[in-house]
Amino acid sequence: MTKPKRHLPTSPFKAPVTPAPKHFALGDQVTHDVYGLGRVIGIEDGIAALVDFSSAQVRILSPYAKMTKL
């Protein structure tokens, strides 16, 4: 894992935009790049989300890179 480069205040370039962390709630409908459509059935704050995809229940770890809320 590489560290992100820090931004110097004197730099002529804009600071990189860091995406806001994604938050999911119980019952949220989500889509995942690998598993498809599912519904959040459990939350571990800041650690993982348990999602029911009709074929399986999967624990998705934070930062939820491949999962988006619908």
C-alpha atoms as a PDB file:
ATOM      1  CA  MET A   1       0.000   0.000   0.000  1.00  0.00           C
ATOM      2  CA  THR A   2       1.375   3.389  -0.923  1.00  0.00           C
ATOM      3  CA  LYS A   3       0.879   6.562   1.024  1.00  0.00           C
ATOM      4  CA  PRO A   4      -0.847   9.424  -0.754  1.00  0.00           C
ATOM      5  CA  LYS A   5       1.465  12.317  -1.510  1.00  0.00           C
ATOM      6  CA  ARG A   6       0.932  15.241   0.786  1.00  0.00           C
ATOM      7  CA  HIS A   7      -0.039  18.606  -0.632  1.00  0.00           C
ATOM      8  CA  LEU A   8       2.197  21.559   0.120  1.00  0.00           C
ATOM      9  CA  PRO A   9       0.403  24.868   0.771  1.00  0.00           C
ATOM     10  CA  THR A  10       2.835  26.677  -1.554  1.00  0.00           C
ATOM     11  CA  SER A  11       2.147  24.334  -4.477  1.00  0.00           C
ATOM     12  CA  PRO A  12       0.643  25.905  -7.626  1.00  0.00           C
ATOM     13  CA  PHE A  13      -1.495  22.779  -8.112  1.00  0.00           C
ATOM     14  CA  LYS A  14      -4.854  22.120  -6.504  1.00  0.00           C
ATOM     15  CA  ALA A  15      -5.030  19.756  -3.553  1.00  0.00           C
ATOM     16  CA  PRO A  16      -6.392  16.294  -4.440  1.00  0.00           C
ATOM     17  CA  VAL A  17     -10.018  15.747  -3.557  1.00  0.00           C
ATOM     18  CA  THR A  18     -10.539  12.955  -1.044  1.00  0.00           C
ATOM     19  CA  PRO A  19     -13.893  11.192  -1.431  1.00  0.00           C
ATOM     20  CA  ALA A  20     -16.215  11.240   1.548  1.00  0.00           C
ATOM     21  CA  PRO A  21     -16.562   7.892   3.300  1.00  0.00           C
ATOM     22  CA  LYS A  22     -19.658   5.961   2.273  1.00  0.00           C
ATOM     23  CA  HIS A  23     -22.255   5.237   4.929  1.00  0.00           C
ATOM     24  CA  PHE A  24     -24.923   2.606   4.639  1.00  0.00           C
ATOM     25  CA  ALA A  25     -27.967   1.961   6.813  1.00  0.00           C
ATOM     26  CA  LEU A  26     -30.021  -1.153   7.460  1.00  0.00           C
ATOM     27  CA  GLY A  27     -32.391  -1.819   4.592  1.00  0.00           C
ATOM     28  CA  ASP A  28     -30.461   0.203   1.997  1.00  0.00           C
ATOM     29  CA  GLN A  29     -30.571  -1.290  -1.474  1.00  0.00           C
ATOM     30  CA  VAL A  30     -27.076  -1.490  -2.972  1.00  0.00           C
ATOM     31  CA  THR A  31     -25.295  -2.720  -6.048  1.00  0.00           C
ATOM     32  CA  HIS A  32     -21.890  -4.406  -6.083  1.00  0.00           C
ATOM     33  CA  ASP A  33     -19.570  -4.792  -9.076  1.00  0.00           C
ATOM     34  CA  VAL A  34     -19.139  -8.537  -8.446  1.00  0.00           C
ATOM     35  CA  TYR A  35     -22.295  -9.707  -6.603  1.00  0.00           C
ATOM     36  CA  GLY A  36     -24.971  -7.480  -8.195  1.00  0.00           C
ATOM     37  CA  LEU A  37     -28.066  -6.165  -6.402  1.00  0.00           C
ATOM     38  CA  GLY A  38     -28.485  -6.644  -2.679  1.00  0.00           C
ATOM     39  CA  ARG A  39     -29.893  -5.245   0.562  1.00  0.00           C
ATOM     40  CA  VAL A  40     -27.932  -4.257   3.683  1.00  0.00           C
ATOM     41  CA  ILE A  41     -28.955  -6.507   6.583  1.00  0.00           C
ATOM     42  CA  GLY A  42     -26.202  -5.676   9.079  1.00  0.00           C
ATOM     43  CA  ILE A  43     -23.728  -2.895   9.859  1.00  0.00           C
ATOM     44  CA  GLU A  44     -20.447  -2.896  11.774  1.00  0.00           C
ATOM     45  CA  ASP A  45     -19.696   0.831  12.170  1.00  0.00           C
ATOM     46  CA  GLY A  46     -16.751   1.802   9.979  1.00  0.00           C
ATOM     47  CA  ILE A  47     -15.658  -1.829   9.538  1.00  0.00           C
ATOM     48  CA  ALA A  48     -18.051  -3.777   7.325  1.00  0.00           C
ATOM     49  CA  ALA A  49     -21.573  -4.204   6.022  1.00  0.00           C
ATOM     50  CA  LEU A  50     -23.430  -7.510   5.777  1.00  0.00           C
ATOM     51  CA  VAL A  51     -25.324  -7.574   2.496  1.00  0.00           C
ATOM     52  CA  ASP A  52     -27.902 -10.093   1.317  1.00  0.00           C
ATOM     53  CA  PHE A  53     -27.445 -10.778  -2.386  1.00  0.00           C
ATOM     54  CA  SER A  54     -30.198 -13.261  -3.239  1.00  0.00           C
ATOM     55  CA  SER A  55     -27.621 -16.006  -3.859  1.00  0.00           C
ATOM     56  CA  ALA A  56     -25.489 -15.372  -0.734  1.00  0.00           C
ATOM     57  CA  GLN A  57     -24.923 -13.154   2.289  1.00  0.00           C
ATOM     58  CA  VAL A  58     -21.579 -11.384   2.006  1.00  0.00           C
ATOM     59  CA  ARG A  59     -19.623  -9.269   4.498  1.00  0.00           C
ATOM     60  CA  ILE A  60     -18.249  -6.288   2.537  1.00  0.00           C
ATOM     61  CA  LEU A  61     -15.326  -4.532   4.215  1.00  0.00           C
ATOM     62  CA  SER A  62     -14.933  -0.768   4.374  1.00  0.00           C
ATOM     63  CA  PRO A  63     -14.145   1.420   2.301  1.00  0.00           C
ATOM     64  CA  TYR A  64     -16.785  -0.244   0.082  1.00  0.00           C
ATOM     65  CA  ALA A  65     -14.887   0.501  -3.147  1.00  0.00           C
ATOM     66  CA  LYS A  66     -17.070  -1.686  -5.372  1.00  0.00           C
ATOM     67  CA  MET A  67     -20.428  -1.035  -3.687  1.00  0.00           C
ATOM     68  CA  THR A  68     -22.797   1.878  -4.258  1.00  0.00           C
ATOM     69  CA  LYS A  69     -26.127   2.841  -2.727  1.00  0.00           C
ATOM     70  CA  LEU A  70     -29.182   2.943  -5.002  1.00  0.00           C
END
